[in-house]
N, C-alpha and C. Protein backbone atom coordinates (compact mmCIF):
# COMPACT_ATOMS: atom_id res chain seq x y z
N MET A 1 34.35 -47.45 10.30
CA MET A 1 33.13 -46.70 10.52
C MET A 1 32.94 -45.61 9.49
N GLY A 2 34.02 -45.00 8.98
CA GLY A 2 33.92 -43.93 8.01
C GLY A 2 33.24 -44.39 6.74
N LEU A 3 33.58 -45.60 6.24
CA LEU A 3 33.00 -46.13 5.02
C LEU A 3 31.51 -46.42 5.22
N PHE A 4 31.17 -47.02 6.37
CA PHE A 4 29.76 -47.30 6.67
C PHE A 4 28.93 -46.02 6.73
N ASP A 5 29.47 -44.97 7.36
CA ASP A 5 28.77 -43.69 7.46
C ASP A 5 28.50 -43.08 6.09
N LYS A 6 29.53 -43.15 5.21
CA LYS A 6 29.38 -42.62 3.86
C LYS A 6 28.32 -43.38 3.08
N LEU A 7 28.30 -44.72 3.20
CA LEU A 7 27.30 -45.54 2.51
C LEU A 7 25.90 -45.22 3.02
N MET A 8 25.81 -45.08 4.33
CA MET A 8 24.51 -44.76 4.95
C MET A 8 24.02 -43.39 4.49
N GLU A 9 24.93 -42.41 4.44
CA GLU A 9 24.58 -41.05 4.02
C GLU A 9 24.11 -41.04 2.57
N LYS A 10 24.80 -41.77 1.68
CA LYS A 10 24.40 -41.84 0.27
C LYS A 10 23.05 -42.53 0.12
N GLY A 11 22.85 -43.58 0.89
CA GLY A 11 21.58 -44.31 0.82
C GLY A 11 20.42 -43.44 1.28
N LEU A 12 20.60 -42.71 2.37
CA LEU A 12 19.55 -41.82 2.86
C LEU A 12 19.26 -40.70 1.87
N LYS A 13 20.31 -40.19 1.23
CA LYS A 13 20.13 -39.14 0.24
C LYS A 13 19.32 -39.65 -0.94
N ALA A 14 19.61 -40.86 -1.40
CA ALA A 14 18.89 -41.45 -2.53
C ALA A 14 17.42 -41.67 -2.17
N VAL A 15 17.15 -42.16 -0.97
CA VAL A 15 15.77 -42.37 -0.52
C VAL A 15 15.04 -41.04 -0.44
N LYS A 16 15.69 -40.03 0.10
CA LYS A 16 15.08 -38.69 0.22
C LYS A 16 14.71 -38.15 -1.15
N GLU A 17 15.62 -38.25 -2.12
CA GLU A 17 15.34 -37.76 -3.47
C GLU A 17 14.19 -38.52 -4.13
N ALA A 18 14.16 -39.83 -3.93
CA ALA A 18 13.09 -40.64 -4.51
C ALA A 18 11.74 -40.26 -3.92
N VAL A 19 11.68 -40.10 -2.60
CA VAL A 19 10.44 -39.71 -1.93
C VAL A 19 10.00 -38.33 -2.40
N THR A 20 10.95 -37.40 -2.51
CA THR A 20 10.64 -36.05 -2.97
C THR A 20 10.05 -36.08 -4.37
N ASP A 21 10.62 -36.88 -5.27
CA ASP A 21 10.10 -36.99 -6.63
C ASP A 21 8.68 -37.55 -6.66
N VAL A 22 8.44 -38.59 -5.87
CA VAL A 22 7.11 -39.21 -5.82
C VAL A 22 6.08 -38.22 -5.27
N VAL A 23 6.41 -37.54 -4.19
CA VAL A 23 5.49 -36.57 -3.59
C VAL A 23 5.22 -35.44 -4.57
N SER A 24 6.25 -34.97 -5.25
CA SER A 24 6.09 -33.89 -6.23
C SER A 24 5.15 -34.32 -7.35
N ASP A 25 5.32 -35.55 -7.86
CA ASP A 25 4.45 -36.05 -8.93
C ASP A 25 3.00 -36.17 -8.46
N VAL A 26 2.80 -36.68 -7.26
CA VAL A 26 1.45 -36.85 -6.72
C VAL A 26 0.77 -35.48 -6.56
N VAL A 27 1.49 -34.50 -6.01
CA VAL A 27 0.92 -33.16 -5.82
C VAL A 27 0.61 -32.52 -7.16
N THR A 28 1.52 -32.62 -8.12
CA THR A 28 1.29 -32.05 -9.45
C THR A 28 0.06 -32.68 -10.10
N ASP A 29 -0.06 -34.00 -10.03
CA ASP A 29 -1.23 -34.68 -10.60
C ASP A 29 -2.52 -34.24 -9.92
N ALA A 30 -2.48 -34.11 -8.60
CA ALA A 30 -3.68 -33.70 -7.86
C ALA A 30 -4.10 -32.29 -8.27
N ILE A 31 -3.14 -31.41 -8.43
CA ILE A 31 -3.47 -30.03 -8.84
C ILE A 31 -4.04 -30.02 -10.24
N ARG A 32 -3.41 -30.75 -11.15
CA ARG A 32 -3.91 -30.79 -12.53
C ARG A 32 -5.32 -31.38 -12.59
N ASN A 33 -5.55 -32.45 -11.84
CA ASN A 33 -6.88 -33.07 -11.84
C ASN A 33 -7.91 -32.13 -11.25
N GLY A 34 -7.52 -31.40 -10.21
CA GLY A 34 -8.42 -30.43 -9.60
C GLY A 34 -8.76 -29.29 -10.54
N LEU A 35 -7.82 -28.95 -11.43
CA LEU A 35 -8.06 -27.88 -12.41
C LEU A 35 -8.66 -28.42 -13.71
N GLY A 36 -8.86 -29.75 -13.77
CA GLY A 36 -9.43 -30.34 -14.98
C GLY A 36 -8.45 -30.34 -16.14
N GLN A 37 -7.15 -30.46 -15.87
CA GLN A 37 -6.14 -30.44 -16.92
C GLN A 37 -5.60 -31.84 -17.15
N SER A 38 -5.18 -32.09 -18.37
CA SER A 38 -4.51 -33.35 -18.66
C SER A 38 -3.04 -33.21 -18.29
N ASP A 39 -2.30 -34.32 -18.34
CA ASP A 39 -0.89 -34.29 -17.98
C ASP A 39 -0.07 -33.42 -18.92
N ASN A 40 -0.56 -33.23 -20.16
CA ASN A 40 0.20 -32.46 -21.14
C ASN A 40 -0.03 -30.96 -21.03
N GLU A 41 -1.06 -30.55 -20.32
CA GLU A 41 -1.36 -29.13 -20.19
C GLU A 41 -0.58 -28.52 -19.04
N GLN A 42 -0.21 -27.30 -19.21
CA GLN A 42 0.45 -26.57 -18.13
C GLN A 42 -0.56 -25.64 -17.49
N PRO A 43 -0.54 -25.49 -16.16
CA PRO A 43 -1.46 -24.56 -15.53
C PRO A 43 -1.20 -23.14 -16.03
N THR A 44 -2.27 -22.37 -16.23
CA THR A 44 -2.08 -21.00 -16.68
C THR A 44 -1.61 -20.16 -15.50
N ARG A 45 -0.72 -19.26 -15.77
CA ARG A 45 -0.19 -18.39 -14.74
C ARG A 45 -0.94 -17.06 -14.77
N LYS A 46 -1.29 -16.58 -13.61
CA LYS A 46 -1.98 -15.30 -13.50
C LYS A 46 -0.94 -14.19 -13.57
N LEU A 47 -1.16 -13.25 -14.48
CA LEU A 47 -0.23 -12.15 -14.62
C LEU A 47 -0.50 -11.11 -13.54
N ALA A 48 0.56 -10.52 -13.05
CA ALA A 48 0.43 -9.49 -12.02
C ALA A 48 -0.23 -8.25 -12.61
N ASP A 49 -1.15 -7.68 -11.86
CA ASP A 49 -1.83 -6.45 -12.27
C ASP A 49 -1.17 -5.31 -11.50
N ASN A 50 -0.30 -4.61 -12.18
CA ASN A 50 0.48 -3.56 -11.52
C ASN A 50 -0.16 -2.19 -11.64
N ARG A 51 -1.42 -2.14 -12.06
CA ARG A 51 -2.09 -0.84 -12.16
C ARG A 51 -2.34 -0.29 -10.76
N ASN A 52 -2.40 1.03 -10.66
CA ASN A 52 -2.69 1.62 -9.36
C ASN A 52 -4.18 1.50 -9.04
N PHE A 53 -4.52 1.81 -7.83
CA PHE A 53 -5.89 1.67 -7.35
C PHE A 53 -6.86 2.45 -8.22
N ASP A 54 -6.53 3.69 -8.53
CA ASP A 54 -7.42 4.56 -9.29
C ASP A 54 -7.73 3.99 -10.67
N MET A 55 -6.74 3.40 -11.33
CA MET A 55 -6.96 2.81 -12.66
C MET A 55 -7.92 1.62 -12.57
N LYS A 56 -7.71 0.76 -11.58
CA LYS A 56 -8.59 -0.41 -11.42
C LYS A 56 -10.00 0.05 -11.02
N PHE A 57 -10.08 1.01 -10.12
CA PHE A 57 -11.36 1.52 -9.68
C PHE A 57 -12.14 2.12 -10.86
N THR A 58 -11.45 2.90 -11.69
CA THR A 58 -12.10 3.51 -12.85
C THR A 58 -12.64 2.45 -13.79
N GLN A 59 -11.88 1.39 -14.04
CA GLN A 59 -12.34 0.31 -14.90
C GLN A 59 -13.58 -0.37 -14.32
N ILE A 60 -13.56 -0.61 -13.03
CA ILE A 60 -14.72 -1.25 -12.37
C ILE A 60 -15.96 -0.37 -12.53
N MET A 61 -15.82 0.90 -12.25
CA MET A 61 -16.97 1.80 -12.30
C MET A 61 -17.45 2.01 -13.74
N ASN A 62 -16.54 1.99 -14.71
CA ASN A 62 -16.96 2.09 -16.11
C ASN A 62 -17.78 0.88 -16.53
N GLY A 63 -17.55 -0.25 -15.88
CA GLY A 63 -18.30 -1.47 -16.16
C GLY A 63 -19.65 -1.54 -15.46
N MET A 64 -19.94 -0.57 -14.61
CA MET A 64 -21.21 -0.55 -13.89
C MET A 64 -22.06 0.56 -14.51
N GLU A 65 -22.93 0.16 -15.40
CA GLU A 65 -23.71 1.10 -16.19
C GLU A 65 -24.57 2.03 -15.33
N GLY A 66 -24.51 3.31 -15.67
CA GLY A 66 -25.36 4.30 -15.02
C GLY A 66 -24.79 4.91 -13.75
N TYR A 67 -23.61 4.48 -13.34
CA TYR A 67 -23.01 5.01 -12.12
C TYR A 67 -22.08 6.17 -12.45
N GLU A 68 -22.08 7.17 -11.59
CA GLU A 68 -21.17 8.29 -11.72
C GLU A 68 -20.25 8.30 -10.50
N VAL A 69 -19.04 8.80 -10.72
CA VAL A 69 -18.06 8.89 -9.64
C VAL A 69 -17.58 10.32 -9.54
N GLN A 70 -17.58 10.83 -8.33
CA GLN A 70 -17.03 12.15 -8.05
C GLN A 70 -15.85 11.92 -7.11
N ARG A 71 -14.76 12.57 -7.39
CA ARG A 71 -13.58 12.41 -6.54
C ARG A 71 -13.60 13.50 -5.47
N GLY A 72 -13.49 13.07 -4.22
CA GLY A 72 -13.43 14.00 -3.09
C GLY A 72 -14.78 14.53 -2.68
N PHE A 73 -15.08 14.41 -1.42
CA PHE A 73 -16.32 14.93 -0.85
C PHE A 73 -16.02 15.34 0.58
N SER A 74 -16.44 16.51 0.94
CA SER A 74 -16.13 17.05 2.26
C SER A 74 -17.01 16.44 3.35
N PRO A 75 -16.40 16.02 4.45
CA PRO A 75 -17.18 15.56 5.60
C PRO A 75 -18.09 16.66 6.13
N ASP A 76 -17.67 17.92 5.97
CA ASP A 76 -18.51 19.04 6.43
C ASP A 76 -19.80 19.12 5.62
N ALA A 77 -19.74 18.76 4.34
CA ALA A 77 -20.95 18.74 3.51
C ALA A 77 -21.91 17.66 4.00
N LEU A 78 -21.37 16.53 4.42
CA LEU A 78 -22.21 15.46 4.97
C LEU A 78 -22.85 15.93 6.28
N GLU A 79 -22.08 16.62 7.10
CA GLU A 79 -22.63 17.17 8.34
C GLU A 79 -23.74 18.18 8.06
N ALA A 80 -23.54 19.01 7.06
CA ALA A 80 -24.56 20.00 6.71
C ALA A 80 -25.85 19.30 6.29
N GLU A 81 -25.74 18.22 5.55
CA GLU A 81 -26.92 17.44 5.16
C GLU A 81 -27.59 16.82 6.38
N ALA A 82 -26.78 16.36 7.32
CA ALA A 82 -27.32 15.72 8.53
C ALA A 82 -27.96 16.75 9.46
N GLY A 83 -27.50 18.00 9.36
CA GLY A 83 -28.05 19.04 10.21
C GLY A 83 -27.54 18.99 11.64
N ARG A 84 -26.43 18.31 11.84
CA ARG A 84 -25.86 18.20 13.18
C ARG A 84 -24.38 17.84 13.07
N GLN A 85 -23.68 17.98 14.17
CA GLN A 85 -22.26 17.62 14.22
C GLN A 85 -22.12 16.10 14.23
N ILE A 86 -21.26 15.59 13.37
CA ILE A 86 -21.06 14.14 13.28
C ILE A 86 -19.74 13.71 13.90
N TYR A 87 -18.71 14.56 13.79
CA TYR A 87 -17.39 14.16 14.27
C TYR A 87 -16.85 15.15 15.30
N SER A 88 -15.96 14.63 16.15
CA SER A 88 -15.35 15.42 17.23
C SER A 88 -14.36 16.43 16.68
N ARG A 89 -14.30 17.57 17.35
CA ARG A 89 -13.41 18.65 16.94
C ARG A 89 -12.57 19.13 18.11
N GLY A 90 -11.48 19.87 17.74
CA GLY A 90 -10.68 20.56 18.74
C GLY A 90 -9.78 19.64 19.53
N GLY A 91 -9.02 20.28 20.39
CA GLY A 91 -8.11 19.53 21.27
C GLY A 91 -7.15 18.67 20.48
N CYS A 92 -7.07 17.43 20.86
CA CYS A 92 -6.12 16.52 20.21
C CYS A 92 -6.74 15.77 19.03
N PHE A 93 -7.98 16.09 18.65
CA PHE A 93 -8.63 15.38 17.55
C PHE A 93 -8.13 15.88 16.20
N ALA A 94 -7.75 14.94 15.35
CA ALA A 94 -7.36 15.28 13.97
C ALA A 94 -8.62 15.50 13.15
N LYS A 95 -8.53 16.40 12.17
CA LYS A 95 -9.67 16.62 11.29
C LYS A 95 -9.89 15.37 10.46
N PRO A 96 -11.13 15.11 10.05
CA PRO A 96 -11.37 13.93 9.21
C PRO A 96 -10.82 14.15 7.80
N ASP A 97 -10.54 13.07 7.13
CA ASP A 97 -10.10 13.13 5.75
C ASP A 97 -11.31 13.28 4.83
N MET A 98 -11.05 13.81 3.65
CA MET A 98 -12.10 13.89 2.63
C MET A 98 -12.48 12.46 2.24
N PHE A 99 -13.73 12.24 1.88
CA PHE A 99 -14.12 10.96 1.30
C PHE A 99 -13.42 10.88 -0.06
N THR A 100 -12.83 9.75 -0.39
CA THR A 100 -12.04 9.63 -1.61
C THR A 100 -12.93 9.68 -2.85
N TYR A 101 -13.99 8.89 -2.88
CA TYR A 101 -14.90 8.85 -4.03
C TYR A 101 -16.34 8.86 -3.54
N VAL A 102 -17.19 9.52 -4.29
CA VAL A 102 -18.63 9.47 -4.06
C VAL A 102 -19.23 8.70 -5.23
N ILE A 103 -20.05 7.72 -4.93
CA ILE A 103 -20.70 6.91 -5.96
C ILE A 103 -22.16 7.35 -6.05
N SER A 104 -22.62 7.67 -7.26
CA SER A 104 -24.01 8.09 -7.47
C SER A 104 -24.59 7.32 -8.64
N LYS A 105 -25.91 7.23 -8.64
CA LYS A 105 -26.62 6.62 -9.77
C LYS A 105 -27.90 7.41 -9.96
N ASP A 106 -28.13 7.81 -11.21
CA ASP A 106 -29.31 8.62 -11.54
C ASP A 106 -29.42 9.85 -10.65
N GLY A 107 -28.28 10.47 -10.38
CA GLY A 107 -28.26 11.70 -9.59
C GLY A 107 -28.40 11.51 -8.10
N GLU A 108 -28.56 10.28 -7.64
CA GLU A 108 -28.73 10.00 -6.20
C GLU A 108 -27.45 9.38 -5.64
N ARG A 109 -26.95 9.95 -4.57
CA ARG A 109 -25.73 9.42 -3.96
C ARG A 109 -26.02 8.05 -3.34
N LYS A 110 -25.18 7.09 -3.70
CA LYS A 110 -25.32 5.72 -3.18
C LYS A 110 -24.36 5.44 -2.04
N GLY A 111 -23.24 6.18 -1.99
CA GLY A 111 -22.30 5.95 -0.91
C GLY A 111 -20.91 6.42 -1.25
N PHE A 112 -19.95 5.94 -0.45
CA PHE A 112 -18.56 6.39 -0.56
C PHE A 112 -17.62 5.20 -0.67
N VAL A 113 -16.51 5.44 -1.37
CA VAL A 113 -15.38 4.50 -1.38
C VAL A 113 -14.18 5.30 -0.90
N ASN A 114 -13.50 4.79 0.10
CA ASN A 114 -12.33 5.47 0.65
C ASN A 114 -11.08 4.64 0.42
N LEU A 115 -10.01 5.33 0.06
CA LEU A 115 -8.70 4.71 -0.05
C LEU A 115 -7.81 5.36 1.00
N TRP A 116 -7.39 4.55 1.96
CA TRP A 116 -6.59 5.04 3.08
C TRP A 116 -5.12 4.74 2.85
N ASP A 117 -4.27 5.76 3.09
CA ASP A 117 -2.82 5.57 2.96
C ASP A 117 -2.30 4.66 4.06
N THR A 118 -2.78 4.89 5.26
CA THR A 118 -2.31 4.11 6.41
C THR A 118 -3.49 3.76 7.31
N TYR A 119 -3.29 2.76 8.12
CA TYR A 119 -4.32 2.40 9.08
C TYR A 119 -4.45 3.49 10.14
N GLU A 120 -3.35 4.20 10.41
CA GLU A 120 -3.37 5.25 11.42
C GLU A 120 -4.37 6.35 11.05
N SER A 121 -4.42 6.76 9.77
CA SER A 121 -5.39 7.80 9.42
C SER A 121 -6.81 7.26 9.46
N TYR A 122 -6.97 6.02 9.05
CA TYR A 122 -8.29 5.39 9.06
C TYR A 122 -8.88 5.39 10.47
N LYS A 123 -8.04 5.14 11.47
CA LYS A 123 -8.56 4.99 12.82
C LYS A 123 -8.65 6.30 13.60
N HIS A 124 -8.32 7.44 12.97
CA HIS A 124 -8.53 8.71 13.66
C HIS A 124 -9.98 8.80 14.11
N THR A 125 -10.20 9.36 15.27
CA THR A 125 -11.54 9.42 15.86
C THR A 125 -12.57 10.01 14.90
N ALA A 126 -12.23 11.12 14.25
CA ALA A 126 -13.19 11.78 13.36
C ALA A 126 -13.57 10.88 12.19
N ASN A 127 -12.59 10.18 11.60
CA ASN A 127 -12.89 9.28 10.49
C ASN A 127 -13.77 8.12 10.94
N ARG A 128 -13.51 7.59 12.11
CA ARG A 128 -14.32 6.48 12.64
C ARG A 128 -15.74 6.96 12.96
N GLU A 129 -15.87 8.18 13.47
CA GLU A 129 -17.20 8.71 13.76
C GLU A 129 -18.01 8.90 12.47
N LEU A 130 -17.35 9.33 11.41
CA LEU A 130 -18.04 9.45 10.11
C LEU A 130 -18.47 8.07 9.61
N LYS A 131 -17.60 7.10 9.75
CA LYS A 131 -17.92 5.71 9.35
C LYS A 131 -19.12 5.21 10.15
N ASN A 132 -19.11 5.42 11.45
CA ASN A 132 -20.24 4.99 12.29
C ASN A 132 -21.54 5.69 11.88
N TYR A 133 -21.45 6.98 11.60
CA TYR A 133 -22.64 7.72 11.15
C TYR A 133 -23.20 7.09 9.87
N CYS A 134 -22.32 6.84 8.91
CA CYS A 134 -22.76 6.26 7.65
C CYS A 134 -23.38 4.88 7.88
N ASP A 135 -22.71 4.04 8.65
CA ASP A 135 -23.24 2.70 8.94
C ASP A 135 -24.62 2.78 9.60
N ASN A 136 -24.80 3.70 10.54
CA ASN A 136 -26.06 3.81 11.27
C ASN A 136 -27.18 4.48 10.47
N ASN A 137 -26.81 5.10 9.35
CA ASN A 137 -27.82 5.81 8.55
C ASN A 137 -27.99 5.22 7.16
N GLY A 138 -27.55 3.98 6.97
CA GLY A 138 -27.76 3.28 5.71
C GLY A 138 -26.96 3.84 4.54
N ILE A 139 -25.89 4.54 4.83
CA ILE A 139 -25.04 5.08 3.76
C ILE A 139 -23.90 4.08 3.53
N LYS A 140 -23.79 3.59 2.32
CA LYS A 140 -22.76 2.60 2.00
C LYS A 140 -21.38 3.24 2.06
N MET A 141 -20.43 2.53 2.64
CA MET A 141 -19.05 2.99 2.67
C MET A 141 -18.14 1.77 2.57
N VAL A 142 -17.26 1.80 1.58
CA VAL A 142 -16.31 0.71 1.39
C VAL A 142 -14.92 1.30 1.56
N ASP A 143 -14.13 0.67 2.41
CA ASP A 143 -12.78 1.15 2.70
C ASP A 143 -11.74 0.20 2.11
N PHE A 144 -10.72 0.78 1.50
CA PHE A 144 -9.56 0.05 1.00
C PHE A 144 -8.31 0.72 1.57
N PHE A 145 -7.22 -0.04 1.62
CA PHE A 145 -5.96 0.47 2.14
C PHE A 145 -4.89 0.39 1.06
N GLU A 146 -4.20 1.50 0.85
CA GLU A 146 -3.19 1.63 -0.20
C GLU A 146 -2.10 0.57 -0.08
N TYR A 147 -1.72 0.20 1.13
CA TYR A 147 -0.60 -0.70 1.34
C TYR A 147 -0.95 -2.18 1.13
N LEU A 148 -2.23 -2.48 0.88
CA LEU A 148 -2.65 -3.86 0.61
C LEU A 148 -2.73 -4.09 -0.90
N PRO A 149 -2.74 -5.35 -1.33
CA PRO A 149 -2.70 -5.63 -2.77
C PRO A 149 -3.86 -5.06 -3.58
N ASN A 150 -5.08 -5.05 -3.05
CA ASN A 150 -6.25 -4.56 -3.77
C ASN A 150 -6.31 -5.11 -5.19
N GLU A 151 -6.35 -6.42 -5.29
CA GLU A 151 -6.44 -7.05 -6.60
C GLU A 151 -7.78 -6.70 -7.24
N TYR A 152 -7.77 -6.64 -8.55
CA TYR A 152 -8.93 -6.20 -9.31
C TYR A 152 -10.20 -6.99 -8.94
N GLY A 153 -10.12 -8.30 -8.93
CA GLY A 153 -11.30 -9.13 -8.63
C GLY A 153 -11.85 -8.87 -7.24
N TYR A 154 -10.97 -8.69 -6.29
CA TYR A 154 -11.37 -8.40 -4.92
C TYR A 154 -12.09 -7.06 -4.84
N MET A 155 -11.48 -6.05 -5.48
CA MET A 155 -12.10 -4.72 -5.48
C MET A 155 -13.47 -4.76 -6.15
N GLU A 156 -13.54 -5.39 -7.30
CA GLU A 156 -14.80 -5.44 -8.05
C GLU A 156 -15.89 -6.14 -7.25
N GLU A 157 -15.56 -7.25 -6.62
CA GLU A 157 -16.55 -8.00 -5.83
C GLU A 157 -17.10 -7.14 -4.70
N ARG A 158 -16.24 -6.46 -3.98
CA ARG A 158 -16.69 -5.63 -2.85
C ARG A 158 -17.54 -4.45 -3.32
N ILE A 159 -17.10 -3.79 -4.38
CA ILE A 159 -17.82 -2.61 -4.87
C ILE A 159 -19.17 -3.01 -5.44
N ARG A 160 -19.21 -4.06 -6.24
CA ARG A 160 -20.50 -4.52 -6.81
C ARG A 160 -21.46 -4.98 -5.72
N ARG A 161 -20.92 -5.67 -4.72
CA ARG A 161 -21.78 -6.16 -3.63
C ARG A 161 -22.48 -5.00 -2.92
N GLU A 162 -21.79 -3.88 -2.75
CA GLU A 162 -22.36 -2.76 -2.03
C GLU A 162 -23.20 -1.84 -2.91
N PHE A 163 -22.83 -1.66 -4.17
CA PHE A 163 -23.47 -0.62 -4.97
C PHE A 163 -24.32 -1.11 -6.13
N ALA A 164 -24.14 -2.33 -6.57
CA ALA A 164 -24.91 -2.77 -7.75
C ALA A 164 -26.25 -3.37 -7.37
């Protein structure tokens, strides 16, 4: 029985390797055909973009002609413009965070872009009330989170969709 088991094990291993090679070739060919590549071409590899959020954001905004960016904007200034209280105060309520960036064009504010360190700060009542106020009053607001990849193309698509 020992010899038969060894023969069976070797045979199964050979079949497994052959099937793996065939499947690998089929998948590779399908990917190349889907990318419009010949068998001799290698797929191009996307290089990692290790720039921080601010660097990518600055490049995006520099590519949008006529837009100005101001860093930091007080929620209290937005309340003063509204002429009423927008967010809850006192007790156990945390103060809202500053808006990270203000986007303007031709001297007119178009909206805000916020970069949140954590989801916990984003969901503070005061920050959510400011977001609701902006949404209900046609003020554009785009939120990003520091702990997510925020790839350049993704950031650019979202920002252009809202502000361009």
